[in-house]
Protein backbone atom coordinates (compact mmCIF):
# COMPACT_ATOMS: atom_id res chain seq x y z
CA MET A 1 -21.43 -4.92 -10.22
CA GLN A 2 -21.99 -1.73 -12.20
CA SER A 3 -25.62 -1.46 -11.11
CA ILE A 4 -24.66 -2.04 -7.48
CA LYS A 5 -22.00 0.67 -7.66
CA LEU A 6 -24.38 3.16 -9.33
CA SER A 7 -27.08 2.48 -6.74
CA ILE A 8 -24.63 3.01 -3.94
CA LEU A 9 -23.41 6.26 -5.50
CA THR A 10 -26.97 7.60 -5.51
CA LEU A 11 -27.38 6.86 -1.82
CA ILE A 12 -23.97 8.25 -0.94
CA ALA A 13 -24.72 11.52 -2.71
CA VAL A 14 -27.61 12.04 -0.29
CA PHE A 15 -25.72 11.06 2.84
CA ALA A 16 -22.21 12.27 1.97
CA PHE A 17 -21.87 14.70 4.82
CA SER A 18 -23.22 12.36 7.49
CA CYS A 19 -20.92 9.60 6.22
CA LYS A 20 -17.95 11.90 6.45
CA HIS A 21 -18.85 12.75 10.02
CA GLU A 22 -19.29 9.09 10.93
CA ALA A 23 -16.09 7.84 9.33
CA GLN A 24 -13.73 10.73 9.92
CA THR A 25 -14.65 12.07 13.36
CA ASN A 26 -15.40 8.78 15.11
CA PRO A 27 -13.19 8.51 18.26
CA LYS A 28 -11.88 5.16 17.01
CA GLN A 29 -10.89 6.87 13.77
CA GLU A 30 -8.99 9.53 15.65
CA ALA A 31 -6.91 6.77 17.24
CA VAL A 32 -6.05 5.44 13.77
CA LYS A 33 -4.93 8.86 12.57
CA ASN A 34 -2.76 9.40 15.65
CA ALA A 35 -1.18 5.94 15.78
CA ALA A 36 2.50 5.25 15.14
CA PRO A 37 3.08 4.20 11.53
CA VAL A 38 3.72 0.57 10.69
CA GLN A 39 6.80 -0.03 8.54
CA VAL A 40 6.23 -2.78 5.99
CA LYS A 41 9.15 -5.13 5.38
CA SER A 42 11.03 -4.31 2.21
CA SER A 43 14.14 -5.35 0.32
CA LYS A 44 16.49 -3.84 -2.24
CA HIS A 45 14.18 -4.75 -5.12
CA GLU A 46 10.76 -4.80 -3.49
CA ALA A 47 8.85 -2.30 -1.37
CA ARG A 48 5.20 -1.43 -0.77
CA ALA A 49 3.27 1.83 -0.71
CA TYR A 50 -0.40 2.52 -0.01
CA PHE A 51 -2.79 5.04 -1.56
CA ALA A 52 -6.52 5.81 -1.60
CA SER A 53 -7.90 7.97 -4.41
CA GLY A 54 -11.49 7.13 -5.30
CA CYS A 55 -12.52 3.83 -6.87
CA PHE A 56 -9.75 1.26 -6.52
CA TRP A 57 -10.48 -0.07 -10.02
CA CYS A 58 -9.20 3.25 -11.38
CA VAL A 59 -6.22 3.61 -9.08
CA GLU A 60 -5.10 0.02 -9.58
CA SER A 61 -4.94 0.39 -13.37
CA ILE A 62 -3.05 3.69 -13.12
CA TYR A 63 -0.29 2.37 -10.87
CA GLU A 64 0.00 -0.90 -12.80
CA SER A 65 0.97 1.13 -15.87
CA VAL A 66 3.93 2.79 -14.13
CA ILE A 67 7.50 1.69 -14.82
CA GLY A 68 9.01 -0.01 -11.79
CA VAL A 69 5.68 -1.15 -10.36
CA LYS A 70 5.46 -4.95 -10.11
CA GLU A 71 1.91 -5.44 -8.93
CA VAL A 72 -1.05 -3.52 -7.54
CA ILE A 73 -3.67 -4.99 -5.23
CA SER A 74 -7.08 -3.46 -4.48
CA GLY A 75 -8.30 -3.35 -0.91
CA TYR A 76 -9.27 -1.24 2.08
CA SER A 77 -7.22 0.81 4.50
CA GLY A 78 -7.37 3.77 6.85
CA GLY A 79 -10.28 2.66 9.00
CA HIS A 80 -10.97 1.36 12.48
CA THR A 81 -12.93 -1.77 11.51
CA LYS A 82 -11.34 -5.21 11.22
CA ASN A 83 -11.92 -7.44 8.19
CA PRO A 84 -13.82 -4.85 6.11
CA THR A 85 -15.86 -6.00 3.13
CA TYR A 86 -16.99 -4.10 0.06
CA GLU A 87 -20.55 -3.93 1.38
CA ALA A 88 -19.44 -2.72 4.82
CA SER A 89 -17.05 -0.17 3.36
CA ASN A 90 -19.83 1.29 1.24
CA THR A 91 -21.83 2.21 4.35
CA GLY A 92 -19.24 4.90 5.06
CA LYS A 93 -19.06 3.77 8.68
CA THR A 94 -15.95 1.59 8.74
CA GLY A 95 -13.51 4.48 8.36
CA HIS A 96 -11.82 2.63 5.52
CA ALA A 97 -11.29 3.97 2.02
CA GLU A 98 -10.92 1.94 -1.14
CA SER A 99 -7.15 1.68 -1.37
CA VAL A 100 -4.35 0.03 -3.30
CA GLU A 101 -1.15 -1.71 -2.28
CA VAL A 102 1.57 -0.81 -4.76
CA ILE A 103 4.42 -3.33 -4.91
CA TYR A 104 7.38 -1.71 -6.61
CA ASP A 105 11.10 -1.98 -7.29
CA PRO A 106 12.80 0.93 -5.46
CA THR A 107 15.81 0.65 -7.78
CA LYS A 108 13.52 1.65 -10.67
CA ILE A 109 11.07 4.05 -9.04
CA ASP A 110 11.11 5.78 -5.69
CA PHE A 111 8.39 6.66 -3.19
CA GLU A 112 8.56 10.33 -4.11
CA THR A 113 7.68 9.56 -7.73
CA LEU A 114 4.81 7.34 -6.61
CA VAL A 115 3.50 10.33 -4.68
CA ASP A 116 3.75 12.42 -7.85
CA VAL A 117 1.68 9.77 -9.62
CA TYR A 118 -0.83 9.90 -6.78
CA PHE A 119 -1.41 13.65 -6.90
CA GLY A 120 -1.11 13.79 -10.69
CA SER A 121 -3.79 11.17 -11.35
CA GLN A 122 -6.71 12.76 -9.50
CA ASP A 123 -8.48 16.00 -8.72
CA PRO A 124 -6.66 16.77 -5.47
CA THR A 125 -9.24 19.37 -4.45
CA GLN A 126 -12.32 17.13 -4.62
CA VAL A 127 -13.70 16.45 -1.16
CA ASN A 128 -14.66 12.91 -0.18
CA GLY A 129 -14.44 11.28 -3.57
CA GLN A 130 -13.17 11.29 -7.13
CA GLY A 131 -15.28 11.97 -10.19
CA PRO A 132 -18.72 10.39 -9.78
CA ASP A 133 -17.71 8.44 -6.65
CA HIS A 134 -18.80 10.22 -3.49
CA GLY A 135 -18.54 9.26 0.18
CA SER A 136 -15.85 8.79 2.80
CA GLN A 137 -15.03 5.34 1.39
CA TYR A 138 -13.85 7.09 -1.78
CA ARG A 139 -11.89 9.85 -0.07
CA SER A 140 -8.24 10.52 -0.82
CA ILE A 141 -5.73 9.26 1.73
CA ILE A 142 -2.00 8.94 1.32
CA PHE A 143 -0.25 6.66 3.79
CA TYR A 144 3.25 7.00 5.23
CA GLN A 145 5.34 4.32 6.93
CA ASN A 146 8.03 6.55 8.40
CA GLU A 147 8.85 10.18 9.03
CA ALA A 148 10.79 10.57 5.76
CA GLN A 149 7.76 9.51 3.73
CA LYS A 150 5.51 11.79 5.77
CA GLN A 151 7.69 14.80 5.03
CA ILE A 152 7.74 14.00 1.29
CA ILE A 153 3.93 13.88 1.27
CA LEU A 154 3.46 17.07 3.30
CA LYS A 155 5.94 19.03 1.18
CA LYS A 156 4.31 18.00 -2.09
CA LYS A 157 0.83 18.66 -0.73
CA ALA A 158 1.86 22.16 0.37
CA THR A 159 3.47 22.88 -3.00
CA ILE A 160 0.31 21.85 -4.87
CA GLU A 161 -1.89 23.94 -2.58
CA GLN A 162 0.30 26.96 -3.21
CA ALA A 163 0.28 26.43 -6.97
CA LEU A 164 -3.50 25.94 -7.13
CA ASN A 165 -4.33 28.40 -4.37
CA LYS A 166 -6.79 25.78 -3.14
CA THR A 167 -6.94 23.23 -0.36
CA VAL A 168 -5.74 19.74 -1.27
CA ASP A 169 -8.23 17.39 0.33
CA ALA A 170 -6.01 14.29 0.60
CA GLU A 171 -5.65 13.12 4.18
CA VAL A 172 -2.24 12.01 5.44
CA TYR A 173 -2.40 8.86 7.57
CA PRO A 174 0.14 6.67 9.33
CA PHE A 175 -0.10 3.28 7.65
CA GLN A 176 -1.56 0.57 9.89
CA LYS A 177 -2.91 -2.34 7.86
CA PHE A 178 -4.08 -3.15 4.36
CA TRP A 179 -7.03 -5.48 3.88
CA LYS A 180 -7.15 -7.18 0.47
CA ALA A 181 -10.46 -6.75 -1.35
CA GLU A 182 -12.61 -9.53 -2.70
CA ALA A 183 -11.19 -11.53 -5.63
CA TYR A 184 -13.64 -10.09 -8.17
CA HIS A 185 -12.24 -6.59 -7.61
CA GLN A 186 -8.67 -7.54 -8.56
CA ASP A 187 -7.58 -6.47 -12.06
CA TYR A 188 -11.17 -5.41 -12.70
CA LYS A 189 -10.38 -3.21 -15.68
CA LYS A 190 -8.39 -6.02 -17.33
CA HIS A 191 -11.17 -8.57 -16.87
CA HIS A 192 -14.09 -6.24 -17.67
CA PRO A 193 -12.86 -3.80 -20.34
CA ASN A 194 -16.39 -3.16 -21.64
CA ASN A 195 -17.98 -2.47 -18.28
CA GLY A 196 -19.80 0.88 -18.37
CA TYR A 197 -17.94 2.30 -15.38
CA ILE A 198 -14.60 1.23 -16.82
CA VAL A 199 -15.36 2.76 -20.23
CA ASN A 200 -16.82 6.02 -18.93
CA VAL A 201 -14.76 6.66 -15.79
CA SER A 202 -11.67 4.47 -15.42
CA ILE A 203 -10.33 4.70 -18.97
CA PRO A 204 -10.74 8.50 -19.31
CA ARG A 205 -9.04 8.96 -15.93
CA PHE A 206 -6.17 6.70 -16.99
CA ASN A 207 -5.80 8.48 -20.34
CA ALA A 208 -5.61 11.86 -18.60
CA PHE A 209 -2.84 10.52 -16.35
CA LYS A 210 -1.01 8.94 -19.29
CA ALA A 211 -1.00 12.24 -21.17
CA LYS A 212 0.45 13.99 -18.14
CA PHE A 213 3.21 11.45 -17.38
CA PRO A 214 4.17 9.77 -20.69
CA ASP A 215 7.72 9.04 -19.53
CA LEU A 216 6.49 6.95 -16.60
CA ILE A 217 4.28 4.60 -18.62
CA LYS A 218 5.30 1.02 -19.41
CA LYS A 219 5.30 -0.04 -23.05
CA ASN A 220 1.99 -1.44 -24.36
CA HIS A 221 -0.10 0.50 -21.83
């Protein structure tokens, strides 16, 4: 898996700009960005939120450490292609980004705080990727399911841009559908703690987040 990912990263570095054009300016992609948001069914103690921020192995482990989060699932979202696979996503042509579904208890953590986790656990100014992961499939997207969520995202994004005096690259999309990734991607950090990518990329990224938000971290994480 590591060798496959590294090989793909090399190719993406060469074709990053063409991939961005293909995935993010495709007419079908424009329809996705302009669609009405889909509201996912929720209850008093369970709701779902969706984020894309580079490799889903990293993002999954970050959100799983947060108090009030029940489960995090890796997958694909934001694109115009049905039934995306890891291999198809890595072409940069599906429009999808590696994403996570965050299942949380809204009595313990709210959507606004999950957005804080999102922006606080990445380099919000990096274009089309995070860290060593480059390409439209690794771009940052934050999904909203209603107008209230959209306004929370836009306000926080504007505040960060003002504070940094830089453009925040995260795209803001109406949520449409989440496609669960292949089984071997789920809980990847937990099952492969000694994997080179996990040791050199995922763990340092998690530790940086943990240092920034110590009060949000579950015990034993």
